[in-house]
């Protein structure tokens, strides 16, 4: 399987998952390459992004699987060929062949930054870290049947809280990536529910790495 590792940062975080998927075949075409399409009345490109990225979340570890019409394209040349055509904020970091299945991807490491206009105390920092050590953390989570109260604690491997500045905290988190998946923004939801006085004025999430079941980097 041919695979790209790419980042999505800056203003590009506001491009939806579906628009990102639709963009890649056009970028390949502008670079003189042709992605394979299915046959039939409604053909679609053989491209697939491993983990849909929520609008507003940045990442430096996105994975896209693809199949080209052309044979024997040196994969190592793809970043230089593709990157001039992407909008600002999207950049291919590497291209390679992998025999690993996406279903092997198990964990996601991310940083959730919490911003407080009036600052936050050291006690507040400790209270937030204690929250994520609880045995049960119930939040409203979107499911196929709508919103449902869900215990997200089994989906959290670890959360470490550190101070960035007097008004900023970082939640360094290792969470489930799929089956089940945990949106990092639900960590903020947990704070808003259990510690409303420590709810941030603004929060943003950034994916930093993905791992398999053995906590090895997944590529």
C-alpha atoms as a PDB file:
ATOM      1  CA  UNK A   1       0.000   0.000   0.000  1.00  0.00           C
ATOM      2  CA  UNK A   2       1.288   3.472  -0.907  1.00  0.00           C
ATOM      3  CA  UNK A   3       1.031   5.885   1.993  1.00  0.00           C
ATOM      4  CA  UNK A   4       1.655   9.573   2.666  1.00  0.00           C
ATOM      5  CA  UNK A   5       2.519  11.175   5.982  1.00  0.00           C
ATOM      6  CA  UNK A   6       1.333  14.780   5.952  1.00  0.00           C
ATOM      7  CA  UNK A   7       0.670  17.700   8.264  1.00  0.00           C
ATOM      8  CA  UNK A   8      -2.329  20.006   8.500  1.00  0.00           C
ATOM      9  CA  UNK A   9      -1.707  23.256  10.343  1.00  0.00           C
ATOM     10  CA  UNK A  10      -2.439  26.981  10.183  1.00  0.00           C
ATOM     11  CA  UNK A  11      -5.565  28.042   8.319  1.00  0.00           C
ATOM     12  CA  UNK A  12      -5.785  24.581   6.737  1.00  0.00           C
ATOM     13  CA  UNK A  13      -7.267  23.229   9.990  1.00  0.00           C
ATOM     14  CA  UNK A  14     -10.571  24.761   8.871  1.00  0.00           C
ATOM     15  CA  UNK A  15     -10.706  22.608   5.721  1.00  0.00           C
ATOM     16  CA  UNK A  16     -13.154  19.767   6.384  1.00  0.00           C
ATOM     17  CA  UNK A  17     -12.250  16.096   6.189  1.00  0.00           C
ATOM     18  CA  UNK A  18     -14.366  15.561   3.056  1.00  0.00           C
ATOM     19  CA  UNK A  19     -12.854  18.584   1.322  1.00  0.00           C
ATOM     20  CA  UNK A  20      -9.363  17.350   2.222  1.00  0.00           C
ATOM     21  CA  UNK A  21     -10.168  13.946   0.716  1.00  0.00           C
ATOM     22  CA  UNK A  22     -11.500  15.569  -2.461  1.00  0.00           C
ATOM     23  CA  UNK A  23      -8.430  17.803  -2.720  1.00  0.00           C
ATOM     24  CA  UNK A  24      -5.794  15.068  -2.922  1.00  0.00           C
ATOM     25  CA  UNK A  25      -6.720  13.602  -6.355  1.00  0.00           C
ATOM     26  CA  UNK A  26      -6.661  17.144  -7.794  1.00  0.00           C
ATOM     27  CA  UNK A  27      -3.249  17.821  -6.257  1.00  0.00           C
ATOM     28  CA  UNK A  28      -1.886  14.574  -7.704  1.00  0.00           C
ATOM     29  CA  UNK A  29      -3.253  15.576 -11.121  1.00  0.00           C
ATOM     30  CA  UNK A  30      -1.612  19.017 -10.960  1.00  0.00           C
ATOM     31  CA  UNK A  31       1.662  17.246 -10.174  1.00  0.00           C
ATOM     32  CA  UNK A  32       1.292  15.127 -13.320  1.00  0.00           C
ATOM     33  CA  UNK A  33       0.092  11.997 -11.504  1.00  0.00           C
ATOM     34  CA  UNK A  34      -3.209  10.140 -11.707  1.00  0.00           C
ATOM     35  CA  UNK A  35      -4.963   8.481  -8.787  1.00  0.00           C
ATOM     36  CA  UNK A  36      -6.892   5.327  -9.658  1.00  0.00           C
ATOM     37  CA  UNK A  37     -10.696   5.525  -9.547  1.00  0.00           C
ATOM     38  CA  UNK A  38     -13.296   2.853  -9.001  1.00  0.00           C
ATOM     39  CA  UNK A  39     -15.426   1.816 -11.965  1.00  0.00           C
ATOM     40  CA  UNK A  40     -19.202   2.162 -12.291  1.00  0.00           C
ATOM     41  CA  UNK A  41     -21.823   4.890 -12.292  1.00  0.00           C
ATOM     42  CA  UNK A  42     -20.306   6.831  -9.388  1.00  0.00           C
ATOM     43  CA  UNK A  43     -16.510   6.411  -9.489  1.00  0.00           C
ATOM     44  CA  UNK A  44     -14.427   7.598  -6.543  1.00  0.00           C
ATOM     45  CA  UNK A  45     -10.700   7.910  -6.032  1.00  0.00           C
ATOM     46  CA  UNK A  46      -8.639   5.266  -4.277  1.00  0.00           C
ATOM     47  CA  UNK A  47      -7.576   7.599  -1.457  1.00  0.00           C
ATOM     48  CA  UNK A  48      -8.283   7.126   2.229  1.00  0.00           C
ATOM     49  CA  UNK A  49      -7.243   9.127   5.291  1.00  0.00           C
ATOM     50  CA  UNK A  50      -6.661   6.921   8.330  1.00  0.00           C
ATOM     51  CA  UNK A  51      -8.319   9.003  11.047  1.00  0.00           C
ATOM     52  CA  UNK A  52     -10.748  11.803  10.142  1.00  0.00           C
ATOM     53  CA  UNK A  53      -9.507  15.068  11.637  1.00  0.00           C
ATOM     54  CA  UNK A  54     -12.046  17.373  13.263  1.00  0.00           C
ATOM     55  CA  UNK A  55     -12.284  20.902  11.894  1.00  0.00           C
ATOM     56  CA  UNK A  56     -10.118  23.179  14.032  1.00  0.00           C
ATOM     57  CA  UNK A  57      -7.672  20.438  15.064  1.00  0.00           C
ATOM     58  CA  UNK A  58      -4.113  20.529  13.736  1.00  0.00           C
ATOM     59  CA  UNK A  59      -1.834  17.558  13.132  1.00  0.00           C
ATOM     60  CA  UNK A  60       1.658  16.569  12.049  1.00  0.00           C
ATOM     61  CA  UNK A  61       0.905  12.834  11.747  1.00  0.00           C
ATOM     62  CA  UNK A  62      -1.896  12.406   9.193  1.00  0.00           C
ATOM     63  CA  UNK A  63      -1.801   9.274   7.043  1.00  0.00           C
ATOM     64  CA  UNK A  64      -3.286   8.905   3.570  1.00  0.00           C
ATOM     65  CA  UNK A  65      -3.387   5.668   1.563  1.00  0.00           C
ATOM     66  CA  UNK A  66      -3.540   5.984  -2.219  1.00  0.00           C
ATOM     67  CA  UNK A  67      -3.146   4.054  -5.475  1.00  0.00           C
ATOM     68  CA  UNK A  68      -1.710   5.603  -8.656  1.00  0.00           C
ATOM     69  CA  UNK A  69      -2.388   4.721 -12.273  1.00  0.00           C
ATOM     70  CA  UNK A  70       1.310   5.138 -13.021  1.00  0.00           C
ATOM     71  CA  UNK A  71       3.687   2.278 -12.267  1.00  0.00           C
ATOM     72  CA  UNK A  72       7.153   2.649 -10.799  1.00  0.00           C
ATOM     73  CA  UNK A  73       6.771   6.214  -9.504  1.00  0.00           C
ATOM     74  CA  UNK A  74       9.614   6.776  -6.994  1.00  0.00           C
ATOM     75  CA  UNK A  75       7.686   7.444  -3.805  1.00  0.00           C
ATOM     76  CA  UNK A  76      10.507   9.449  -2.275  1.00  0.00           C
ATOM     77  CA  UNK A  77       9.994  12.091  -4.993  1.00  0.00           C
ATOM     78  CA  UNK A  78       6.345  12.730  -4.121  1.00  0.00           C
ATOM     79  CA  UNK A  79       6.781  15.353  -1.358  1.00  0.00           C
ATOM     80  CA  UNK A  80       8.731  17.635  -3.706  1.00  0.00           C
ATOM     81  CA  UNK A  81       6.267  17.017  -6.550  1.00  0.00           C
ATOM     82  CA  UNK A  82       3.079  17.530  -4.540  1.00  0.00           C
ATOM     83  CA  UNK A  83       3.884  20.221  -1.974  1.00  0.00           C
ATOM     84  CA  UNK A  84       3.980  23.228  -4.364  1.00  0.00           C
ATOM     85  CA  UNK A  85       0.275  22.713  -5.117  1.00  0.00           C
ATOM     86  CA  UNK A  86      -1.219  22.410  -1.634  1.00  0.00           C
ATOM     87  CA  UNK A  87      -2.892  25.310   0.151  1.00  0.00           C
ATOM     88  CA  UNK A  88      -0.878  26.855   2.975  1.00  0.00           C
ATOM     89  CA  UNK A  89      -0.786  24.582   6.011  1.00  0.00           C
ATOM     90  CA  UNK A  90      -0.868  21.219   4.233  1.00  0.00           C
ATOM     91  CA  UNK A  91       2.485  19.596   3.490  1.00  0.00           C
ATOM     92  CA  UNK A  92       3.549  16.045   2.688  1.00  0.00           C
ATOM     93  CA  UNK A  93       6.364  14.968   5.016  1.00  0.00           C
ATOM     94  CA  UNK A  94       7.133  11.588   3.448  1.00  0.00           C
ATOM     95  CA  UNK A  95       5.785   8.993   1.002  1.00  0.00           C
ATOM     96  CA  UNK A  96       6.498   5.294   1.283  1.00  0.00           C
ATOM     97  CA  UNK A  97       5.175   1.776   0.774  1.00  0.00           C
ATOM     98  CA  UNK A  98       3.695   0.025   3.814  1.00  0.00           C
ATOM     99  CA  UNK A  99       2.182  -3.394   4.375  1.00  0.00           C
ATOM    100  CA  UNK A 100       0.633  -2.335   7.699  1.00  0.00           C
ATOM    101  CA  UNK A 101      -3.151  -2.204   7.877  1.00  0.00           C
ATOM    102  CA  UNK A 102      -4.884   0.859   9.281  1.00  0.00           C
ATOM    103  CA  UNK A 103      -6.783  -1.411  11.685  1.00  0.00           C
ATOM    104  CA  UNK A 104      -3.453  -1.913  13.512  1.00  0.00           C
ATOM    105  CA  UNK A 105      -3.447   1.773  14.476  1.00  0.00           C
ATOM    106  CA  UNK A 106      -4.524   1.936  18.104  1.00  0.00           C
ATOM    107  CA  UNK A 107      -3.396   5.061  19.981  1.00  0.00           C
ATOM    108  CA  UNK A 108      -3.091   8.775  19.343  1.00  0.00           C
ATOM    109  CA  UNK A 109      -0.809  11.216  21.131  1.00  0.00           C
ATOM    110  CA  UNK A 110      -2.066  14.765  21.195  1.00  0.00           C
ATOM    111  CA  UNK A 111      -1.635  18.068  22.976  1.00  0.00           C
ATOM    112  CA  UNK A 112      -4.698  20.019  24.062  1.00  0.00           C
ATOM    113  CA  UNK A 113      -3.865  23.627  24.898  1.00  0.00           C
ATOM    114  CA  UNK A 114      -6.147  25.367  27.408  1.00  0.00           C
ATOM    115  CA  UNK A 115      -6.184  29.165  27.447  1.00  0.00           C
ATOM    116  CA  UNK A 116      -7.438  31.286  30.369  1.00  0.00           C
ATOM    117  CA  UNK A 117      -7.947  35.011  29.922  1.00  0.00           C
ATOM    118  CA  UNK A 118      -7.602  35.632  33.679  1.00  0.00           C
ATOM    119  CA  UNK A 119      -4.835  33.084  34.263  1.00  0.00           C
ATOM    120  CA  UNK A 120      -4.982  29.819  36.194  1.00  0.00           C
ATOM    121  CA  UNK A 121      -3.459  28.806  39.528  1.00  0.00           C
ATOM    122  CA  UNK A 122      -1.199  25.851  40.302  1.00  0.00           C
ATOM    123  CA  UNK A 123      -4.082  24.380  42.308  1.00  0.00           C
ATOM    124  CA  UNK A 124      -6.240  24.451  39.198  1.00  0.00           C
ATOM    125  CA  UNK A 125      -3.515  22.653  37.277  1.00  0.00           C
ATOM    126  CA  UNK A 126      -3.392  19.909  39.911  1.00  0.00           C
ATOM    127  CA  UNK A 127      -7.199  19.618  40.024  1.00  0.00           C
ATOM    128  CA  UNK A 128      -7.369  19.043  36.263  1.00  0.00           C
ATOM    129  CA  UNK A 129      -4.690  16.367  36.407  1.00  0.00           C
ATOM    130  CA  UNK A 130      -6.524  14.660  39.296  1.00  0.00           C
ATOM    131  CA  UNK A 131      -9.726  14.650  37.247  1.00  0.00           C
ATOM    132  CA  UNK A 132      -8.175  12.418  34.609  1.00  0.00           C
ATOM    133  CA  UNK A 133      -7.049   9.934  37.267  1.00  0.00           C
ATOM    134  CA  UNK A 134     -10.649   9.260  38.307  1.00  0.00           C
ATOM    135  CA  UNK A 135     -12.029   5.772  37.773  1.00  0.00           C
ATOM    136  CA  UNK A 136     -14.948   7.102  35.730  1.00  0.00           C
ATOM    137  CA  UNK A 137     -15.322  10.197  33.541  1.00  0.00           C
ATOM    138  CA  UNK A 138     -18.765  10.618  32.012  1.00  0.00           C
ATOM    139  CA  UNK A 139     -19.295  13.025  29.119  1.00  0.00           C
ATOM    140  CA  UNK A 140     -21.729  13.351  26.237  1.00  0.00           C
ATOM    141  CA  UNK A 141     -20.193  11.623  23.220  1.00  0.00           C
ATOM    142  CA  UNK A 142     -21.578  11.576  19.689  1.00  0.00           C
ATOM    143  CA  UNK A 143     -22.571   8.066  18.577  1.00  0.00           C
ATOM    144  CA  UNK A 144     -24.378   6.628  15.554  1.00  0.00           C
ATOM    145  CA  UNK A 145     -27.627   6.996  17.517  1.00  0.00           C
ATOM    146  CA  UNK A 146     -26.930  10.567  18.592  1.00  0.00           C
ATOM    147  CA  UNK A 147     -25.469  11.980  21.801  1.00  0.00           C
ATOM    148  CA  UNK A 148     -25.019   9.488  24.623  1.00  0.00           C
ATOM    149  CA  UNK A 149     -23.443   9.705  28.064  1.00  0.00           C
ATOM    150  CA  UNK A 150     -20.208   7.749  27.796  1.00  0.00           C
ATOM    151  CA  UNK A 151     -17.417   6.856  30.195  1.00  0.00           C
ATOM    152  CA  UNK A 152     -14.284   8.050  28.390  1.00  0.00           C
ATOM    153  CA  UNK A 153     -11.888   6.909  31.116  1.00  0.00           C
ATOM    154  CA  UNK A 154     -11.170   3.510  29.434  1.00  0.00           C
ATOM    155  CA  UNK A 155     -10.179   5.444  26.274  1.00  0.00           C
ATOM    156  CA  UNK A 156      -7.500   7.439  28.110  1.00  0.00           C
ATOM    157  CA  UNK A 157      -4.064   5.895  28.607  1.00  0.00           C
ATOM    158  CA  UNK A 158      -2.555   8.980  30.198  1.00  0.00           C
ATOM    159  CA  UNK A 159      -2.979  12.724  30.629  1.00  0.00           C
ATOM    160  CA  UNK A 160      -0.195  14.926  31.953  1.00  0.00           C
ATOM    161  CA  UNK A 161      -0.893  18.588  32.684  1.00  0.00           C
ATOM    162  CA  UNK A 162       1.902  21.138  32.320  1.00  0.00           C
ATOM    163  CA  UNK A 163       2.027  24.915  32.452  1.00  0.00           C
ATOM    164  CA  UNK A 164       2.929  26.864  29.320  1.00  0.00           C
ATOM    165  CA  UNK A 165       2.404  30.330  30.804  1.00  0.00           C
ATOM    166  CA  UNK A 166       0.355  32.011  33.523  1.00  0.00           C
ATOM    167  CA  UNK A 167      -2.739  31.654  31.353  1.00  0.00           C
ATOM    168  CA  UNK A 168      -2.035  28.471  29.405  1.00  0.00           C
ATOM    169  CA  UNK A 169      -1.954  24.778  30.237  1.00  0.00           C
ATOM    170  CA  UNK A 170      -1.047  21.830  28.026  1.00  0.00           C
ATOM    171  CA  UNK A 171      -2.736  18.440  28.345  1.00  0.00           C
ATOM    172  CA  UNK A 172      -0.235  15.927  26.948  1.00  0.00           C
ATOM    173  CA  UNK A 173      -2.509  12.991  26.239  1.00  0.00           C
ATOM    174  CA  UNK A 174      -2.330   9.433  24.958  1.00  0.00           C
ATOM    175  CA  UNK A 175      -5.804   8.278  23.955  1.00  0.00           C
ATOM    176  CA  UNK A 176      -7.581   5.634  21.871  1.00  0.00           C
ATOM    177  CA  UNK A 177      -7.515   6.376  18.145  1.00  0.00           C
ATOM    178  CA  UNK A 178     -10.185   3.945  16.961  1.00  0.00           C
ATOM    179  CA  UNK A 179     -12.469   1.131  18.082  1.00  0.00           C
ATOM    180  CA  UNK A 180     -13.343   3.096  20.154  1.00  0.00           C
ATOM    181  CA  UNK A 181     -12.063   6.549  19.262  1.00  0.00           C
ATOM    182  CA  UNK A 182     -11.812   9.552  21.548  1.00  0.00           C
ATOM    183  CA  UNK A 183     -11.962  13.094  20.209  1.00  0.00           C
ATOM    184  CA  UNK A 184      -9.405  15.155  22.199  1.00  0.00           C
ATOM    185  CA  UNK A 185     -11.997  17.899  22.572  1.00  0.00           C
ATOM    186  CA  UNK A 186     -13.914  15.584  24.916  1.00  0.00           C
ATOM    187  CA  UNK A 187     -11.093  16.085  27.418  1.00  0.00           C
ATOM    188  CA  UNK A 188     -12.159  19.726  27.473  1.00  0.00           C
ATOM    189  CA  UNK A 189     -15.767  18.584  27.804  1.00  0.00           C
ATOM    190  CA  UNK A 190     -14.810  16.607  30.908  1.00  0.00           C
ATOM    191  CA  UNK A 191     -13.260  19.690  32.509  1.00  0.00           C
ATOM    192  CA  UNK A 192     -16.361  21.746  31.704  1.00  0.00           C
ATOM    193  CA  UNK A 193     -18.576  19.126  33.325  1.00  0.00           C
ATOM    194  CA  UNK A 194     -16.601  18.225  36.437  1.00  0.00           C
ATOM    195  CA  UNK A 195     -14.624  21.440  37.024  1.00  0.00           C
ATOM    196  CA  UNK A 196     -16.747  24.217  35.498  1.00  0.00           C
ATOM    197  CA  UNK A 197     -14.792  26.870  37.386  1.00  0.00           C
ATOM    198  CA  UNK A 198     -11.678  25.682  35.490  1.00  0.00           C
ATOM    199  CA  UNK A 199     -13.293  25.581  32.042  1.00  0.00           C
ATOM    200  CA  UNK A 200     -10.913  27.284  29.581  1.00  0.00           C
ATOM    201  CA  UNK A 201     -11.864  30.375  27.605  1.00  0.00           C
ATOM    202  CA  UNK A 202     -10.376  28.723  24.512  1.00  0.00           C
ATOM    203  CA  UNK A 203      -8.973  25.288  23.722  1.00  0.00           C
ATOM    204  CA  UNK A 204      -7.175  23.806  20.731  1.00  0.00           C
ATOM    205  CA  UNK A 205      -5.923  20.308  19.946  1.00  0.00           C
ATOM    206  CA  UNK A 206      -2.886  19.127  17.996  1.00  0.00           C
ATOM    207  CA  UNK A 207      -2.122  15.532  17.016  1.00  0.00           C
ATOM    208  CA  UNK A 208       1.560  14.678  17.370  1.00  0.00           C
ATOM    209  CA  UNK A 209       1.875  10.917  16.739  1.00  0.00           C
ATOM    210  CA  UNK A 210       0.020   7.648  16.162  1.00  0.00           C
ATOM    211  CA  UNK A 211       0.901   4.222  17.587  1.00  0.00           C
ATOM    212  CA  UNK A 212       0.008   0.562  17.284  1.00  0.00           C
ATOM    213  CA  UNK A 213      -1.159  -1.704  20.118  1.00  0.00           C
ATOM    214  CA  UNK A 214       2.441  -2.101  21.330  1.00  0.00           C
ATOM    215  CA  UNK A 215       2.893   1.675  21.517  1.00  0.00           C
ATOM    216  CA  UNK A 216       5.250   1.606  18.530  1.00  0.00           C
ATOM    217  CA  UNK A 217       5.025   4.446  16.022  1.00  0.00           C
ATOM    218  CA  UNK A 218       2.616   3.429  13.275  1.00  0.00           C
ATOM    219  CA  UNK A 219       3.602   4.006   9.663  1.00  0.00           C
END
